[in-house]
Protein backbone atom coordinates (compact mmCIF):
# COMPACT_ATOMS: atom_id res chain seq x y z
CA MET A 1 130.35 117.16 132.98
CA ALA A 2 128.38 114.52 132.74
CA PRO A 3 125.50 113.07 134.88
CA ASP A 4 125.06 110.64 137.17
CA ASN A 5 121.52 109.27 135.86
CA LEU A 6 119.74 109.73 132.53
CA VAL A 7 115.87 108.87 132.71
CA GLU A 8 114.45 108.48 129.18
CA VAL A 9 110.65 109.37 129.17
CA SER A 10 108.56 108.72 125.99
CA PHE A 11 104.89 107.54 125.21
CA GLU A 12 106.53 104.99 122.90
CA VAL A 13 108.48 103.36 125.84
CA ALA A 14 107.63 99.67 125.38
CA ASN A 15 104.50 101.06 123.17
CA LYS A 16 104.99 100.00 119.30
CA VAL A 17 102.90 103.17 118.37
CA GLY A 18 104.97 104.91 115.73
CA GLY A 19 108.68 105.52 114.58
CA ILE A 20 109.86 106.89 117.68
CA TYR A 21 110.07 103.48 119.13
CA GLN A 22 112.68 102.27 116.50
CA VAL A 23 114.75 105.54 117.64
CA LEU A 24 114.53 104.75 121.49
CA LYS A 25 114.94 101.17 121.12
CA SER A 26 117.95 100.97 118.93
CA LYS A 27 119.44 103.66 120.53
CA ALA A 28 119.46 102.01 124.22
CA SER A 29 122.39 100.08 123.73
CA LYS A 30 124.16 102.85 123.70
CA MET A 31 122.53 104.52 126.20
CA GLU A 32 123.42 101.61 128.41
CA ASP A 33 126.90 102.24 127.27
CA PHE A 34 126.74 105.81 128.69
CA TYR A 35 125.28 105.03 132.14
CA ASP A 36 125.35 101.57 132.52
CA ASP A 37 122.66 100.57 135.87
CA HIS A 38 121.90 104.24 135.87
CA TYR A 39 119.65 104.59 132.76
CA LEU A 40 115.89 104.13 133.32
CA THR A 41 113.26 104.71 130.80
CA VAL A 42 109.37 105.54 131.42
CA GLY A 43 106.51 104.75 129.33
CA PRO A 44 103.20 104.21 129.48
CA TYR A 45 100.85 101.01 130.59
CA ASP A 46 99.61 99.34 127.96
CA GLU A 47 98.31 95.64 128.72
CA GLU A 48 98.64 94.33 125.00
CA SER A 49 101.82 95.97 124.43
CA ALA A 50 103.34 94.96 127.72
CA ARG A 51 103.07 91.64 126.94
CA SER A 52 105.47 91.47 124.55
CA ASP A 53 107.45 94.55 125.16
CA PHE A 54 108.16 94.70 128.82
CA ALA A 55 108.89 91.93 131.61
CA PRO A 56 107.92 92.78 135.18
CA ARG A 57 110.22 91.97 137.59
CA LYS A 58 109.24 91.43 141.33
CA ASP A 59 112.55 92.44 143.38
CA HIS A 60 113.31 96.51 142.76
CA PRO A 61 113.91 99.53 145.02
CA TYR A 62 111.07 101.32 144.11
CA GLU A 63 108.09 99.91 145.78
CA GLU A 64 107.75 102.43 148.72
CA VAL A 65 107.71 105.25 145.61
CA PHE A 66 104.94 103.04 143.62
CA GLU A 67 102.74 102.75 147.03
CA ASP A 68 103.01 106.73 147.45
CA LEU A 69 102.08 107.16 144.09
CA ARG A 70 99.42 104.49 144.57
CA GLU A 71 97.60 106.21 146.66
CA LYS A 72 97.33 109.15 144.15
CA GLY A 73 95.71 106.72 142.08
CA ILE A 74 98.98 105.95 139.57
CA GLU A 75 99.92 102.43 138.80
CA CYS A 76 103.27 101.76 138.25
CA TYR A 77 105.29 98.50 137.00
CA TYR A 78 109.01 97.89 137.36
CA GLY A 79 110.56 95.44 134.91
CA VAL A 80 112.60 95.61 131.69
CA TRP A 81 112.19 96.61 128.09
CA THR A 82 113.15 93.50 126.49
CA VAL A 83 114.74 95.53 123.11
CA SER A 84 118.67 94.60 123.24
CA ASP A 85 120.45 95.38 126.83
CA SER A 86 117.12 95.02 128.28
CA PRO A 87 117.11 98.63 130.28
CA LYS A 88 115.80 99.29 133.34
CA CYS A 89 112.12 100.06 132.69
CA ILE A 90 108.93 101.42 134.21
CA LEU A 91 105.42 101.68 132.95
CA VAL A 92 102.69 104.17 134.19
CA ASP A 93 99.51 103.48 134.42
CA ALA A 94 97.31 107.09 135.16
CA SER A 95 93.96 106.02 134.17
CA GLY A 96 93.11 106.54 137.81
CA LEU A 97 94.81 109.50 138.56
CA GLU A 98 93.23 111.07 141.72
CA ARG A 99 93.30 114.64 140.27
CA ASP A 100 91.08 115.68 137.88
CA ILE A 101 91.98 116.32 134.39
CA ASP A 102 90.45 119.60 134.56
CA ASP A 103 92.40 120.54 137.26
CA ILE A 104 95.67 120.08 135.67
CA LYS A 105 94.08 121.56 132.37
CA THR A 106 93.14 124.94 134.62
CA GLU A 107 96.58 124.60 136.12
CA MET A 108 98.05 124.48 132.77
CA TRP A 109 96.08 127.38 131.39
CA GLN A 110 96.92 129.87 134.28
CA LYS A 111 100.75 128.86 134.34
CA TYR A 112 101.40 128.61 130.98
CA ASP A 113 98.68 129.72 128.96
CA ILE A 114 97.78 126.30 127.17
CA ASP A 115 94.11 126.49 126.20
CA SER A 116 92.90 122.80 126.28
CA LEU A 117 88.93 123.31 127.43
CA GLU A 118 88.03 121.76 124.25
CA THR A 119 90.33 119.09 123.69
CA GLY A 120 89.63 115.58 123.86
CA ARG A 121 90.67 112.03 124.63
CA ASP A 122 93.48 112.01 122.62
CA PHE A 123 94.97 115.11 124.39
CA GLU A 124 94.07 114.70 127.87
CA GLU A 125 95.32 110.76 127.99
CA PRO A 126 99.00 111.84 127.32
CA VAL A 127 98.45 114.68 129.58
CA LYS A 128 97.20 112.66 132.85
CA TRP A 129 99.96 109.86 131.67
CA SER A 130 102.75 112.57 131.86
CA TYR A 131 101.63 114.38 134.58
CA ALA A 132 101.78 111.24 136.60
CA VAL A 133 105.31 110.74 135.05
CA GLY A 134 106.47 113.83 136.21
CA LEU A 135 105.22 113.25 139.84
CA LEU A 136 107.11 108.93 139.80
CA ILE A 137 110.48 111.41 138.67
CA ASP A 138 110.04 113.81 141.58
CA ARG A 139 109.85 111.42 144.29
CA LEU A 140 112.81 109.09 142.63
CA GLU A 141 114.74 112.41 142.70
CA ASP A 142 114.31 112.68 146.04
CA GLU A 143 114.91 109.47 147.25
CA LYS A 144 116.51 107.05 144.86
CA LEU A 145 118.48 108.53 141.80
CA GLU A 146 122.19 109.37 143.67
CA GLY A 147 124.29 112.28 142.39
CA ASP A 148 123.26 114.64 138.89
CA THR A 149 119.80 113.38 136.95
CA VAL A 150 119.23 114.15 133.35
CA VAL A 151 115.55 113.64 132.02
CA HIS A 152 114.91 113.02 128.53
CA LEU A 153 111.30 114.07 127.31
CA HIS A 154 110.08 113.05 123.67
CA GLU A 155 107.32 115.01 121.91
CA TRP A 156 104.68 117.20 123.25
CA LEU A 157 103.13 113.84 125.16
CA SER A 158 105.71 113.93 127.63
CA GLY A 159 105.73 117.76 127.94
CA PRO A 160 103.49 117.84 131.37
CA ALA A 161 106.23 115.69 133.42
CA MET A 162 108.47 118.87 133.55
CA PHE A 163 105.89 120.65 135.60
CA ASN A 164 106.22 117.99 138.35
CA PHE A 165 110.00 117.66 138.79
CA ASP A 166 113.19 119.99 139.34
CA SER A 167 115.84 117.65 137.35
CA PRO A 168 117.59 119.51 134.09
CA ALA A 169 115.58 118.23 131.18
CA VAL A 170 116.47 117.71 127.60
CA PHE A 171 113.08 118.25 124.79
CA THR A 172 113.02 116.62 121.50
CA THR A 173 110.49 116.97 119.13
CA HIS A 174 110.86 114.44 115.99
CA ALA A 175 108.26 116.23 114.23
CA THR A 176 106.23 119.35 115.41
CA VAL A 177 102.47 119.08 115.54
CA LEU A 178 101.80 121.77 113.65
CA GLY A 179 104.08 121.57 110.75
CA ARG A 180 103.16 117.85 110.52
CA ALA A 181 99.24 119.29 110.41
CA LEU A 182 100.07 121.76 107.48
CA SER A 183 102.15 119.48 105.60
CA ASN A 184 99.61 117.44 104.71
CA SER A 185 97.14 120.09 103.98
CA ASP A 186 97.06 122.61 101.02
CA PHE A 187 99.10 125.28 103.33
CA GLY A 188 102.77 126.30 101.90
CA LEU A 189 104.69 124.63 104.94
CA ARG A 190 108.34 124.69 103.33
CA GLY A 191 107.87 128.29 102.23
CA ALA A 192 106.94 129.86 105.48
CA VAL A 193 109.55 127.88 107.07
CA GLU A 194 112.17 129.64 104.73
CA HIS A 195 110.78 132.93 105.84
CA GLY A 196 110.96 131.48 109.30
CA ASN A 197 107.62 132.37 110.73
CA VAL A 198 104.64 130.22 110.57
CA ASP A 199 101.63 131.68 112.21
CA GLY A 200 100.69 129.67 115.62
CA SER A 201 97.30 130.58 115.54
CA LEU A 202 96.77 128.24 112.68
CA ALA A 203 96.97 125.40 115.42
CA GLU A 204 93.39 126.18 116.14
CA ASP A 205 92.46 125.99 112.36
CA TYR A 206 93.62 122.83 112.13
CA GLY A 207 92.15 121.37 115.43
CA VAL A 208 95.71 121.07 117.17
CA LYS A 209 95.85 124.48 119.36
CA ALA A 210 96.03 122.39 122.35
CA LYS A 211 99.09 120.08 121.76
CA HIS A 212 100.71 122.94 120.01
CA GLN A 213 100.93 125.17 122.97
CA MET A 214 101.65 122.21 124.94
CA GLU A 215 104.85 121.52 122.35
CA GLN A 216 106.02 125.14 122.37
CA THR A 217 105.71 125.43 126.16
CA ALA A 218 108.04 122.47 126.59
CA ALA A 219 110.70 123.53 124.24
CA GLU A 220 110.47 126.81 126.16
CA LEU A 221 111.06 125.14 129.57
CA SER A 222 113.47 122.49 128.96
CA ASP A 223 117.03 123.14 129.42
CA VAL A 224 118.06 121.61 126.15
CA PHE A 225 115.95 121.74 123.18
CA THR A 226 116.70 119.48 120.19
CA THR A 227 115.20 117.89 116.84
CA VAL A 228 116.55 114.86 114.52
CA SER A 229 117.09 117.01 111.69
CA LYS A 230 118.64 120.43 109.95
CA ASN A 231 115.21 120.59 108.06
CA THR A 232 113.11 119.93 111.42
CA GLY A 233 114.91 122.40 112.99
CA LYS A 234 114.06 125.17 111.08
CA GLU A 235 110.34 123.73 111.12
CA ALA A 236 110.62 124.07 114.96
CA GLU A 237 112.08 127.57 114.79
CA ALA A 238 109.60 129.14 112.59
CA VAL A 239 106.64 126.93 114.36
CA LEU A 240 107.64 127.15 117.62
CA ASN A 241 109.52 130.17 117.73
CA VAL A 242 112.31 128.24 119.57
CA LYS A 243 115.58 127.87 118.32
CA PRO A 244 116.96 124.11 118.76
CA ASP A 245 119.68 124.00 121.11
CA LYS A 246 121.08 120.53 119.17
CA ILE A 247 120.34 118.54 116.14
CA LEU A 248 119.84 114.85 117.59
CA PRO A 249 120.19 112.70 114.34
CA ASN A 250 118.44 109.48 114.20
CA GLY A 251 120.89 106.51 114.77
CA PHE A 252 120.58 102.84 113.54
CA ASN A 253 122.36 99.28 114.48
CA VAL A 254 123.09 98.32 111.01
CA ASP A 255 125.88 95.40 112.97
CA GLU A 256 122.28 93.92 114.18
CA TYR A 257 121.44 92.91 111.01
CA PRO A 258 122.29 89.51 108.83
CA SER A 259 125.67 90.16 106.85
CA LEU A 260 125.08 90.65 102.81
CA GLU A 261 126.58 87.17 102.17
CA GLU A 262 123.73 85.85 104.56
CA LEU A 263 121.13 88.81 103.24
CA SER A 264 121.92 87.16 99.46
CA TYR A 265 121.12 83.72 100.25
CA ASN A 266 117.89 85.10 101.78
CA HIS A 267 117.11 87.18 98.81
CA LYS A 268 116.90 84.14 96.56
CA LYS A 269 114.84 82.26 98.67
CA LYS A 270 112.37 84.85 99.62
CA LYS A 271 112.13 86.51 96.39
CA GLU A 272 111.15 83.07 95.03
CA GLU A 273 108.22 83.16 97.70
CA PHE A 274 107.40 86.57 96.16
CA LYS A 275 107.16 85.22 92.57
CA SER A 276 104.49 82.55 94.24
CA PHE A 277 102.47 84.91 95.00
CA LEU A 278 102.96 87.19 91.61
CA GLN A 279 102.04 84.03 89.66
CA ALA A 280 98.89 83.26 91.65
CA TYR A 281 98.03 86.83 91.39
CA PHE A 282 98.27 87.84 87.82
CA GLU A 283 98.67 84.97 85.78
CA PRO A 284 94.95 83.45 85.94
CA TYR A 285 94.43 86.94 83.87
CA TYR A 286 97.45 87.00 81.77
CA ASP A 287 101.32 85.72 81.56
CA VAL A 288 103.83 87.64 83.24
CA ASN A 289 107.89 87.16 82.64
CA LEU A 290 108.60 85.64 85.82
CA GLU A 291 111.52 83.71 84.90
CA ASP A 292 114.17 86.72 84.15
CA ASP A 293 114.98 87.63 87.82
CA PRO A 294 112.02 90.26 87.67
CA ARG A 295 112.60 93.51 89.63
CA ILE A 296 110.33 94.21 92.85
CA LEU A 297 110.04 97.50 93.96
CA TYR A 298 108.01 98.59 97.11
CA THR A 299 106.83 101.48 99.31
CA SER A 300 105.87 101.81 102.73
CA GLY A 301 104.85 103.72 105.93
CA ARG A 302 101.75 105.72 107.55
CA TYR A 303 98.87 106.32 104.96
CA GLU A 304 99.88 110.54 104.64
CA PHE A 305 99.14 110.30 100.32
CA HIS A 306 101.27 113.84 100.10
CA ASN A 307 103.90 113.80 102.73
CA LYS A 308 105.11 110.51 102.06
CA GLY A 309 104.95 111.63 98.38
CA LEU A 310 102.51 108.77 97.35
CA ASP A 311 101.60 111.21 95.09
CA LEU A 312 104.78 111.67 93.65
CA LEU A 313 105.57 108.23 93.23
CA ILE A 314 102.21 107.11 91.27
CA ASP A 315 103.02 110.24 88.91
CA SER A 316 106.51 108.87 88.27
CA LEU A 317 105.66 105.63 87.61
CA SER A 318 102.83 106.69 85.47
CA ARG A 319 106.00 107.95 83.94
CA VAL A 320 108.18 104.83 83.56
CA ASN A 321 105.23 103.03 82.23
CA GLN A 322 105.38 105.16 79.18
CA MET A 323 108.83 104.02 78.96
CA GLU A 324 110.47 101.05 76.93
CA GLY A 325 112.01 97.94 79.22
CA ASP A 326 111.09 94.95 81.05
CA ASP A 327 107.63 94.66 83.09
CA PHE A 328 108.45 95.40 86.93
CA PHE A 329 106.30 94.81 90.40
CA VAL A 330 106.00 97.54 92.69
CA PHE A 331 103.91 96.72 96.04
CA PHE A 332 102.51 99.91 98.32
CA PHE A 333 102.82 98.45 102.08
CA VAL A 334 100.40 101.62 103.41
CA PRO A 335 98.17 100.13 105.87
CA ALA A 336 94.51 101.13 105.63
CA ASP A 337 91.28 100.41 107.26
CA VAL A 338 90.59 97.04 105.58
CA LYS A 339 87.62 94.52 105.70
CA GLY A 340 89.85 91.20 104.79
CA GLU A 341 91.60 89.75 101.54
CA LYS A 342 89.70 90.05 98.49
CA LEU A 343 88.26 86.85 97.45
CA GLU A 344 89.16 86.96 94.23
CA VAL A 345 92.72 86.93 95.55
CA LEU A 346 92.22 84.36 97.86
CA GLU A 347 90.47 82.41 95.04
CA ASN A 348 93.87 82.74 92.89
CA ILE A 349 95.95 81.70 95.66
CA SER A 350 93.86 78.79 96.45
CA LEU A 351 93.98 77.18 92.75
CA TYR A 352 97.64 78.07 92.40
CA GLU A 353 98.23 76.03 95.44
CA GLU A 354 95.82 72.99 94.48
CA LEU A 355 98.43 73.25 90.82
CA GLU A 356 101.22 73.44 93.41
CA HIS A 357 100.34 70.26 95.08
CA TYR A 358 99.50 68.49 92.15
CA VAL A 359 102.70 69.05 90.24
CA ASP A 360 104.53 68.40 93.49
CA SER A 361 102.66 64.68 93.97
CA VAL A 362 103.54 63.38 90.33
CA MET A 363 107.29 64.61 90.76
CA PRO A 364 108.53 61.39 92.19
CA GLN A 365 106.36 59.63 89.49
CA ILE A 366 107.90 61.95 86.39
CA ARG A 367 110.98 60.94 87.70
CA GLU A 368 110.01 57.05 87.28
CA ASN A 369 109.47 57.70 84.07
CA VAL A 370 111.86 60.06 82.80
CA LEU A 371 114.31 57.52 84.17
CA ASN A 372 112.63 54.40 82.43
CA SER A 373 112.42 56.39 78.93
CA ILE A 374 116.31 57.19 79.28
CA THR A 375 117.22 53.80 80.16
CA SER A 376 114.94 52.04 77.43
CA GLY A 377 116.45 54.38 74.76
CA GLU A 378 113.12 56.48 74.30
CA GLU A 379 112.84 60.52 74.00
CA PRO A 380 112.32 61.11 78.34
CA SER A 381 109.62 63.94 77.37
CA ALA A 382 107.77 61.18 76.20
CA GLY A 383 107.21 59.77 79.57
CA VAL A 384 106.00 63.13 80.98
CA GLU A 385 103.79 63.35 78.19
CA ASP A 386 102.20 60.35 78.94
CA LEU A 387 101.83 60.64 82.75
CA LEU A 388 100.12 64.19 82.24
CA LYS A 389 97.64 63.00 79.88
CA ASP A 390 96.73 60.02 81.29
CA SER A 391 95.29 62.30 84.13
CA GLY A 392 92.64 64.40 83.30
CA LYS A 393 93.28 66.24 86.59
CA LEU A 394 95.69 68.58 85.15
CA GLU A 395 93.82 69.92 82.44
CA SER A 396 91.14 70.64 84.81
CA LEU A 397 93.05 72.53 87.22
CA GLU A 398 94.91 74.67 84.64
CA ALA A 399 91.12 75.48 82.83
CA ASN A 400 90.20 76.83 86.53
CA PHE A 401 93.03 78.25 86.99
CA HIS A 402 92.86 80.65 83.50
CA THR A 403 89.35 81.60 83.80
CA LYS A 404 89.60 85.03 84.27
CA LYS A 405 91.45 86.00 80.95
CA ASP A 406 88.81 88.38 80.31
CA LYS A 407 89.69 90.60 83.57
CA THR A 408 92.41 92.51 85.00
CA PRO A 409 94.05 91.81 87.88
CA PRO A 410 93.04 94.17 91.00
CA LEU A 411 95.23 97.32 92.01
CA SER A 412 94.28 96.15 95.45
CA ALA A 413 94.70 92.93 97.26
CA PHE A 414 92.62 93.32 100.11
CA ASP A 415 88.75 94.66 100.22
CA LEU A 416 88.66 98.54 101.94
CA ASN A 417 86.25 99.57 104.69
CA TYR A 418 85.45 102.99 102.58
CA ASP A 419 85.17 104.25 99.17
CA ASN A 420 87.41 106.72 97.43
CA ASP A 421 90.71 105.72 98.04
CA GLU A 422 93.29 108.24 97.39
CA ILE A 423 95.96 105.45 96.63
CA LEU A 424 93.64 103.60 94.16
CA GLU A 425 92.04 106.41 92.50
CA ALA A 426 95.33 107.88 91.36
CA LEU A 427 96.77 104.72 90.53
CA TRP A 428 93.70 104.54 87.95
CA GLU A 429 93.70 108.12 86.97
CA LYS A 430 97.67 108.12 86.13
CA GLY A 431 96.51 104.59 84.07
CA LEU A 432 98.81 102.30 86.41
CA ARG A 433 95.70 99.99 85.79
CA ASN A 434 97.50 96.47 85.78
CA ARG A 435 96.34 95.85 82.01
CA GLU A 436 98.76 93.23 80.36
CA GLY A 437 100.48 95.64 78.54
CA ASP A 438 101.31 97.96 81.53
CA ARG A 439 104.89 98.04 82.01
CA VAL A 440 104.36 98.59 85.25
CA LYS A 441 102.19 96.15 87.37
CA VAL A 442 100.88 97.35 90.89
CA ILE A 443 99.84 96.13 94.45
CA PHE A 444 98.16 97.58 97.03
CA TYR A 445 98.87 96.01 100.15
CA PRO A 446 96.95 97.91 102.79
CA THR A 447 97.82 95.88 105.88
CA TYR A 448 100.75 95.26 107.85
CA LEU A 449 102.92 92.28 106.68
CA SER A 450 102.73 89.02 109.03
CA VAL A 451 103.75 85.62 108.30
CA GLY A 452 100.27 84.77 109.42
CA ASP A 453 98.30 86.34 106.65
CA LYS A 454 96.79 84.61 104.08
CA LEU A 455 98.31 86.19 101.47
CA LEU A 456 102.16 86.93 101.29
CA SER A 457 102.85 85.61 104.62
CA MET A 458 106.05 86.63 105.26
CA ASP A 459 106.76 89.41 107.46
CA TYR A 460 108.62 93.08 106.51
CA ASN A 461 111.95 92.72 107.04
CA ASP A 462 111.40 89.45 104.62
CA ALA A 463 109.57 91.67 102.15
CA ILE A 464 112.64 93.74 101.75
CA VAL A 465 114.99 91.27 101.79
CA ALA A 466 112.81 89.82 98.96
CA SER A 467 112.51 93.40 96.88
CA SER A 468 115.22 95.13 94.92
CA ALA A 469 114.43 98.62 96.16
CA GLY A 470 112.61 100.93 98.48
CA ILE A 471 111.33 104.05 97.17
CA PHE A 472 110.26 106.72 99.63
CA PRO A 473 109.93 110.42 97.68
CA SER A 474 108.66 112.26 101.19
CA TYR A 475 107.53 115.83 100.93
CA TYR A 476 107.43 115.71 104.73
CA GLU A 477 109.96 113.26 106.63
CA PRO A 478 111.67 114.87 109.83
CA TRP A 479 114.38 111.77 109.62
CA GLY A 480 113.16 108.68 107.58
CA TYR A 481 114.33 105.27 108.80
CA THR A 482 112.46 103.35 106.40
CA PRO A 483 115.58 103.91 103.56
CA VAL A 484 118.12 102.84 105.97
CA GLU A 485 116.16 100.01 107.39
CA THR A 486 115.78 99.24 103.35
CA ALA A 487 119.37 99.35 102.63
CA ALA A 488 120.43 96.94 105.98
CA ASN A 489 118.26 94.76 104.72
CA GLY A 490 120.43 94.35 101.66
CA SER A 491 118.18 96.55 99.14
CA LEU A 492 118.73 99.77 97.37
CA ALA A 493 116.72 102.64 98.56
CA VAL A 494 115.85 106.77 97.14
CA THR A 495 114.85 109.22 99.97
CA THR A 496 114.23 112.84 99.36
CA ASP A 497 116.14 115.75 100.32
CA LEU A 498 113.48 116.99 102.20
CA ALA A 499 113.93 114.17 104.64
CA GLY A 500 116.15 114.33 107.52
CA PHE A 501 117.91 111.43 106.31
CA GLY A 502 118.51 112.52 102.64
CA GLN A 503 119.85 115.82 104.06
CA TYR A 504 121.94 114.20 106.45
CA LEU A 505 123.35 111.92 103.15
CA ASN A 506 124.00 115.13 101.23
CA GLU A 507 126.01 117.21 104.13
CA ASN A 508 128.28 113.86 104.51
CA THR A 509 128.66 112.26 100.77
CA GLY A 510 129.11 113.47 97.20
CA SER A 511 126.96 112.30 94.77
CA ASN A 512 129.02 109.57 93.26
CA GLU A 513 129.52 107.95 96.81
CA ARG A 514 125.36 107.80 96.81
CA LYS A 515 125.30 104.99 94.41
CA GLY A 516 122.65 102.74 96.71
CA ILE A 517 120.75 105.24 98.12
CA LYS A 518 119.69 107.76 95.88
CA VAL A 519 118.43 111.31 97.26
CA LEU A 520 115.93 112.89 94.99
CA GLU A 521 116.43 116.82 94.57
CA ARG A 522 112.49 117.72 95.78
CA HIS A 523 113.61 121.04 98.05
CA ASN A 524 112.18 124.14 95.96
CA ARG A 525 111.47 122.39 92.83
CA GLU A 526 107.92 121.75 90.79
CA GLN A 527 105.93 118.50 91.29
CA SER A 528 106.68 117.60 87.65
CA GLN A 529 110.37 118.17 87.46
CA ALA A 530 110.60 115.71 90.67
CA ALA A 531 108.46 113.16 89.02
CA GLU A 532 110.44 113.40 86.23
CA ASP A 533 113.86 112.87 87.84
CA LEU A 534 112.19 109.46 89.79
CA ALA A 535 110.95 108.48 86.83
CA TYR A 536 114.28 108.05 85.68
CA MET A 537 115.93 107.09 89.14
CA ILE A 538 113.46 104.14 88.95
CA ASN A 539 114.04 103.20 85.13
CA ASP A 540 117.90 103.05 86.02
CA ILE A 541 116.96 100.68 89.24
CA VAL A 542 114.84 98.18 87.13
CA SER A 543 117.85 98.17 84.45
CA TYR A 544 120.36 97.36 86.06
CA SER A 545 122.44 93.85 85.63
CA LYS A 546 122.75 91.51 88.40
CA THR A 547 126.41 92.82 88.91
CA GLU A 548 125.82 96.70 89.13
CA ILE A 549 122.75 95.73 91.88
CA THR A 550 125.40 93.57 93.68
CA GLU A 551 127.97 96.52 93.94
CA ARG A 552 124.95 98.86 94.61
CA LYS A 553 123.66 96.76 97.55
CA HIS A 554 127.17 97.16 99.11
CA ASN A 555 127.38 100.81 98.73
CA ALA A 556 123.65 100.99 100.34
CA ARG A 557 124.91 99.04 103.18
CA LYS A 558 127.82 101.17 103.88
CA LEU A 559 126.01 104.11 103.60
CA ALA A 560 123.23 102.93 106.33
CA GLN A 561 126.88 102.59 108.53
CA MET A 562 127.20 105.82 108.57
CA THR A 563 124.17 106.23 111.06
CA SER A 564 125.14 104.04 113.68
CA TRP A 565 124.79 104.56 116.92
CA GLU A 566 128.27 104.50 117.69
CA LYS A 567 128.85 107.07 115.84
CA LEU A 568 125.47 109.24 116.45
CA GLY A 569 124.94 108.45 120.30
CA GLU A 570 127.88 110.62 121.27
CA ASN A 571 125.25 113.95 120.39
CA TYR A 572 123.15 112.92 122.81
CA ARG A 573 125.59 112.59 125.56
CA GLU A 574 126.44 115.85 124.65
CA ALA A 575 122.65 117.23 124.73
CA HIS A 576 122.42 115.41 128.29
CA GLU A 577 125.92 117.32 129.72
CA LYS A 578 124.75 120.67 128.08
CA ALA A 579 121.52 120.34 130.28
CA LEU A 580 123.41 119.97 133.44
CA GLU A 581 125.50 122.88 132.83
CA GLU A 582 123.01 125.34 131.80
CA SER A 583 120.71 124.48 135.09
CA LYS A 584 123.77 124.81 137.46
């Protein structure tokens, strides 16, 4: 039996702070299909996020509820989340919550043994917000929601809401708090999960005790506990001692992306912009071959050096650097704490643009001189040479552009606000130094891509479209949207069998069917073995002919379509129905 209403609660509703935002955003239209006007999203009120993700509505049926909550220090805002199908949305500001946070923490200790005595704002602020959300839902249950209601909550940050309402609840953890902390350390998380037990006392050692206990309590209190992949399900059972009732793989709306024909056109256009940037970046130091359709690869994601497989990728690239073949370029789009663009790179780009503007300015005269030479029976090249020799401008610009011939291009396009960066140190240690003889040329681009920046001047999707492939060799990845996103944008991708998406592909396709998205084996394998395999994968990718790449891009797009919400959305509805049944 399906519920009449669904209330979906997340700290990332209309608040783009992580990957769950993308999950909820892309899923919203399917939930609207299921529940129509009875689908309500609830998130935190953040003034800056609300400006871009939220459209307020004055006329709504909740004003009396909002007024009562206002007396408790809770401000609520009604409107729509400005994503596909514009789902109804309530944003909750609990910063003025009348009840003291220490009282809430005492209640959590007394009722649920959650020890949050020494926590700070990173725990207390979400708890206040979620606690207030629970009060909101309690009032909506009593007065505004007719029929059966199910509340779907995401991550520990939403957990405290369950303390205050009676409706059946689905709780989803996208990655356990303790699991993520352990995976980015020397602790052997995979082995511990395989043995089925991760000592919960480790949470205190890693500074996540209260969050871990809150997550565990939410999993126990919910009517249906879910995770996003089988890998995460095993982890949750070992870490939280609660077995998930259902797996809810993350879907993706591939159909919302341009067709492959349109992407092919955009690829040529955006790749030319990429090539201009690479010319400006490298050619003040030495010549690079950008005429023969150079291969451009990238990786992206949070700066989690081991979890995201950045260590493995750099190891693999160092191996490819020793192999014979054409040079290629690799971008690390991994945001970090930056001071700003490197002055050296800004200078290179400025000099390149001066050259470009000069060439543009003389092109009409060159055209005229060539035509005159041809009609006069002279060599056309003579007219061009005469024009360029007559002006010392070109010679001066060329000399300025090549003043760095005794140096090497920087590994990072930006200056960092800290020393001893893991990516830069690993690149240097592995011999990836942007020397002229290096086959692999790398650029660490540690900021969010934007059309408004002073270097690449393109957004993330355009960068994907311009690239040949995205490489995501994650060690810890509950699901992993980036390979799907890459394929949807018309590029090849590499994921791993430790990522939820990679595992999903392995379970639903044969290896001969995965030509556009490769799944690297990392499970129960030594790092050196995986690095060697990835090196050969990368070498194959950069060696494909144009025809091979086109064929594989079609396959990648087809594989990405396997994750459509049209197919995977049914899992959510089944979880909601199960929660309702369990509560009866």
